[in-house]
């Protein structure tokens, strides 16, 4: 008996490995150029549109459903974007959705906006400090 199974179950589907940035000669990584970034954003937008069409907000928590319903779009997104970008964009989408829902809720409650231009006079601002 071993601690780790030697066979994989059929429940865990093989997921494509997201692309990684190319290493440079100095040990760092080569940043994508404008064309590479544009392809990544187009892949992201296509994947996010598919998620929206299928009512999926969090593609991290609902990974199996997203992979089933948006397989071609997700495959392209993961192929043209660095893996760290894929993770970032997925998490950012959820954060932006939550932000928008909070704003919508506050607007429905007629919450008064806060004037942030004046510095607020809080504990960390110059207005709250005693003069020397």
C-alpha atoms as a PDB file:
ATOM      1  CA  UNK A   1       0.000   0.000   0.000  1.00  0.00           C
ATOM      2  CA  UNK A   2       1.346   3.398  -0.918  1.00  0.00           C
ATOM      3  CA  UNK A   3       0.486   6.862   0.235  1.00  0.00           C
ATOM      4  CA  UNK A   4      -0.176   8.161  -3.251  1.00  0.00           C
ATOM      5  CA  UNK A   5      -2.318   6.340  -5.772  1.00  0.00           C
ATOM      6  CA  UNK A   6      -0.529   5.189  -8.920  1.00  0.00           C
ATOM      7  CA  UNK A   7      -3.568   5.605 -11.158  1.00  0.00           C
ATOM      8  CA  UNK A   8      -5.608   8.677 -11.781  1.00  0.00           C
ATOM      9  CA  UNK A   9      -9.347   8.615 -11.397  1.00  0.00           C
ATOM     10  CA  UNK A  10     -11.631   9.480 -14.284  1.00  0.00           C
ATOM     11  CA  UNK A  11     -13.106  12.274 -12.163  1.00  0.00           C
ATOM     12  CA  UNK A  12      -9.954  14.342 -12.484  1.00  0.00           C
ATOM     13  CA  UNK A  13      -9.843  15.435 -16.094  1.00  0.00           C
ATOM     14  CA  UNK A  14      -6.536  16.372 -17.704  1.00  0.00           C
ATOM     15  CA  UNK A  15      -6.360  20.141 -17.794  1.00  0.00           C
ATOM     16  CA  UNK A  16      -4.178  21.947 -20.325  1.00  0.00           C
ATOM     17  CA  UNK A  17      -1.124  23.577 -18.852  1.00  0.00           C
ATOM     18  CA  UNK A  18      -1.356  27.361 -19.244  1.00  0.00           C
ATOM     19  CA  UNK A  19       1.490  29.008 -21.101  1.00  0.00           C
ATOM     20  CA  UNK A  20       4.382  30.480 -19.186  1.00  0.00           C
ATOM     21  CA  UNK A  21       6.546  33.457 -20.136  1.00  0.00           C
ATOM     22  CA  UNK A  22       9.673  32.651 -22.119  1.00  0.00           C
ATOM     23  CA  UNK A  23      12.897  32.803 -20.088  1.00  0.00           C
ATOM     24  CA  UNK A  24      15.515  35.332 -21.149  1.00  0.00           C
ATOM     25  CA  UNK A  25      19.276  34.855 -21.203  1.00  0.00           C
ATOM     26  CA  UNK A  26      19.733  36.680 -17.904  1.00  0.00           C
ATOM     27  CA  UNK A  27      17.367  34.385 -16.004  1.00  0.00           C
ATOM     28  CA  UNK A  28      14.362  36.708 -16.063  1.00  0.00           C
ATOM     29  CA  UNK A  29      11.370  36.420 -18.346  1.00  0.00           C
ATOM     30  CA  UNK A  30      10.512  38.101 -21.599  1.00  0.00           C
ATOM     31  CA  UNK A  31       7.402  40.260 -21.284  1.00  0.00           C
ATOM     32  CA  UNK A  32       4.817  39.854 -24.039  1.00  0.00           C
ATOM     33  CA  UNK A  33       4.841  42.522 -26.716  1.00  0.00           C
ATOM     34  CA  UNK A  34       1.826  44.592 -27.737  1.00  0.00           C
ATOM     35  CA  UNK A  35       0.585  41.894 -30.130  1.00  0.00           C
ATOM     36  CA  UNK A  36       0.912  39.198 -27.460  1.00  0.00           C
ATOM     37  CA  UNK A  37      -0.984  41.285 -24.928  1.00  0.00           C
ATOM     38  CA  UNK A  38      -3.711  42.015 -27.488  1.00  0.00           C
ATOM     39  CA  UNK A  39      -4.128  38.274 -28.237  1.00  0.00           C
ATOM     40  CA  UNK A  40      -4.332  37.589 -24.501  1.00  0.00           C
ATOM     41  CA  UNK A  41      -7.006  40.246 -23.970  1.00  0.00           C
ATOM     42  CA  UNK A  42      -9.015  38.938 -26.933  1.00  0.00           C
ATOM     43  CA  UNK A  43      -8.788  35.398 -25.535  1.00  0.00           C
ATOM     44  CA  UNK A  44      -9.862  36.669 -22.121  1.00  0.00           C
ATOM     45  CA  UNK A  45     -12.786  38.622 -23.561  1.00  0.00           C
ATOM     46  CA  UNK A  46     -13.972  35.626 -25.573  1.00  0.00           C
ATOM     47  CA  UNK A  47     -13.788  33.356 -22.522  1.00  0.00           C
ATOM     48  CA  UNK A  48     -15.539  35.893 -20.297  1.00  0.00           C
ATOM     49  CA  UNK A  49     -18.313  36.333 -22.879  1.00  0.00           C
ATOM     50  CA  UNK A  50     -18.863  32.574 -22.858  1.00  0.00           C
ATOM     51  CA  UNK A  51     -18.978  32.613 -19.047  1.00  0.00           C
ATOM     52  CA  UNK A  52     -21.533  35.432 -19.125  1.00  0.00           C
ATOM     53  CA  UNK A  53     -23.641  33.560 -21.692  1.00  0.00           C
ATOM     54  CA  UNK A  54     -23.683  30.539 -19.370  1.00  0.00           C
ATOM     55  CA  UNK A  55     -24.280  32.452 -16.105  1.00  0.00           C
ATOM     56  CA  UNK A  56     -20.891  31.642 -14.584  1.00  0.00           C
ATOM     57  CA  UNK A  57     -19.374  34.367 -12.405  1.00  0.00           C
ATOM     58  CA  UNK A  58     -16.487  32.579 -10.666  1.00  0.00           C
ATOM     59  CA  UNK A  59     -14.652  30.319 -13.112  1.00  0.00           C
ATOM     60  CA  UNK A  60     -12.226  29.296 -10.365  1.00  0.00           C
ATOM     61  CA  UNK A  61     -14.889  27.859  -8.046  1.00  0.00           C
ATOM     62  CA  UNK A  62     -16.945  26.563 -10.964  1.00  0.00           C
ATOM     63  CA  UNK A  63     -13.935  25.293 -12.909  1.00  0.00           C
ATOM     64  CA  UNK A  64     -15.522  22.006 -14.048  1.00  0.00           C
ATOM     65  CA  UNK A  65     -18.631  23.770 -15.355  1.00  0.00           C
ATOM     66  CA  UNK A  66     -16.563  26.467 -17.091  1.00  0.00           C
ATOM     67  CA  UNK A  67     -14.291  23.858 -18.698  1.00  0.00           C
ATOM     68  CA  UNK A  68     -17.311  21.900 -19.922  1.00  0.00           C
ATOM     69  CA  UNK A  69     -19.331  24.813 -21.315  1.00  0.00           C
ATOM     70  CA  UNK A  70     -16.496  27.064 -22.530  1.00  0.00           C
ATOM     71  CA  UNK A  71     -13.764  24.566 -23.428  1.00  0.00           C
ATOM     72  CA  UNK A  72     -12.648  26.139 -26.739  1.00  0.00           C
ATOM     73  CA  UNK A  73     -12.586  29.674 -25.334  1.00  0.00           C
ATOM     74  CA  UNK A  74     -10.775  28.611 -22.163  1.00  0.00           C
ATOM     75  CA  UNK A  75      -8.246  26.599 -24.157  1.00  0.00           C
ATOM     76  CA  UNK A  76      -7.447  29.621 -26.314  1.00  0.00           C
ATOM     77  CA  UNK A  77      -7.296  31.920 -23.268  1.00  0.00           C
ATOM     78  CA  UNK A  78      -4.837  29.587 -21.535  1.00  0.00           C
ATOM     79  CA  UNK A  79      -2.807  29.165 -24.733  1.00  0.00           C
ATOM     80  CA  UNK A  80      -2.295  32.870 -25.493  1.00  0.00           C
ATOM     81  CA  UNK A  81      -1.889  34.201 -21.925  1.00  0.00           C
ATOM     82  CA  UNK A  82       0.739  33.555 -19.277  1.00  0.00           C
ATOM     83  CA  UNK A  83      -0.608  31.309 -16.533  1.00  0.00           C
ATOM     84  CA  UNK A  84      -0.276  34.062 -13.923  1.00  0.00           C
ATOM     85  CA  UNK A  85      -2.364  36.361 -16.151  1.00  0.00           C
ATOM     86  CA  UNK A  86      -5.077  33.703 -16.502  1.00  0.00           C
ATOM     87  CA  UNK A  87      -5.324  33.368 -12.726  1.00  0.00           C
ATOM     88  CA  UNK A  88      -5.248  37.144 -12.233  1.00  0.00           C
ATOM     89  CA  UNK A  89      -7.987  37.843 -14.797  1.00  0.00           C
ATOM     90  CA  UNK A  90     -10.258  35.105 -13.391  1.00  0.00           C
ATOM     91  CA  UNK A  91      -9.955  36.484  -9.840  1.00  0.00           C
ATOM     92  CA  UNK A  92     -10.272  40.089 -11.010  1.00  0.00           C
ATOM     93  CA  UNK A  93     -13.541  39.247 -12.817  1.00  0.00           C
ATOM     94  CA  UNK A  94     -15.069  38.033  -9.537  1.00  0.00           C
ATOM     95  CA  UNK A  95     -13.781  41.080  -7.632  1.00  0.00           C
ATOM     96  CA  UNK A  96     -15.216  43.464 -10.241  1.00  0.00           C
ATOM     97  CA  UNK A  97     -18.573  41.653 -10.149  1.00  0.00           C
ATOM     98  CA  UNK A  98     -18.692  41.933  -6.347  1.00  0.00           C
ATOM     99  CA  UNK A  99     -17.727  45.623  -6.543  1.00  0.00           C
ATOM    100  CA  UNK A 100     -20.451  46.325  -9.098  1.00  0.00           C
ATOM    101  CA  UNK A 101     -23.061  44.521  -6.986  1.00  0.00           C
ATOM    102  CA  UNK A 102     -22.018  46.528  -3.914  1.00  0.00           C
ATOM    103  CA  UNK A 103     -22.304  49.799  -5.843  1.00  0.00           C
ATOM    104  CA  UNK A 104     -25.690  48.737  -7.201  1.00  0.00           C
ATOM    105  CA  UNK A 105     -26.888  47.889  -3.678  1.00  0.00           C
ATOM    106  CA  UNK A 106     -25.647  51.218  -2.289  1.00  0.00           C
ATOM    107  CA  UNK A 107     -27.347  53.133  -5.108  1.00  0.00           C
ATOM    108  CA  UNK A 108     -30.593  51.262  -4.411  1.00  0.00           C
ATOM    109  CA  UNK A 109     -30.319  52.350  -0.757  1.00  0.00           C
ATOM    110  CA  UNK A 110     -29.700  55.973  -1.823  1.00  0.00           C
ATOM    111  CA  UNK A 111     -26.306  56.041  -0.085  1.00  0.00           C
ATOM    112  CA  UNK A 112     -24.595  59.422  -0.190  1.00  0.00           C
ATOM    113  CA  UNK A 113     -21.273  59.516  -2.057  1.00  0.00           C
ATOM    114  CA  UNK A 114     -18.133  60.470  -0.126  1.00  0.00           C
ATOM    115  CA  UNK A 115     -16.021  63.378  -1.371  1.00  0.00           C
ATOM    116  CA  UNK A 116     -12.523  61.903  -1.616  1.00  0.00           C
ATOM    117  CA  UNK A 117     -11.007  64.973  -3.334  1.00  0.00           C
ATOM    118  CA  UNK A 118     -10.621  66.919  -0.105  1.00  0.00           C
ATOM    119  CA  UNK A 119      -8.361  64.377   1.578  1.00  0.00           C
ATOM    120  CA  UNK A 120     -10.996  63.499   4.149  1.00  0.00           C
ATOM    121  CA  UNK A 121      -9.104  64.940   7.131  1.00  0.00           C
ATOM    122  CA  UNK A 122      -8.564  61.465   8.550  1.00  0.00           C
ATOM    123  CA  UNK A 123      -5.810  60.304  10.882  1.00  0.00           C
ATOM    124  CA  UNK A 124      -3.297  59.787   8.080  1.00  0.00           C
ATOM    125  CA  UNK A 125      -3.784  63.120   6.337  1.00  0.00           C
ATOM    126  CA  UNK A 126      -1.957  66.389   6.819  1.00  0.00           C
ATOM    127  CA  UNK A 127      -5.198  68.064   7.911  1.00  0.00           C
ATOM    128  CA  UNK A 128      -5.368  65.812  10.978  1.00  0.00           C
ATOM    129  CA  UNK A 129      -1.809  66.564  12.140  1.00  0.00           C
ATOM    130  CA  UNK A 130      -1.054  69.284  14.667  1.00  0.00           C
ATOM    131  CA  UNK A 131       1.042  72.193  13.411  1.00  0.00           C
ATOM    132  CA  UNK A 132       4.664  72.427  14.561  1.00  0.00           C
END
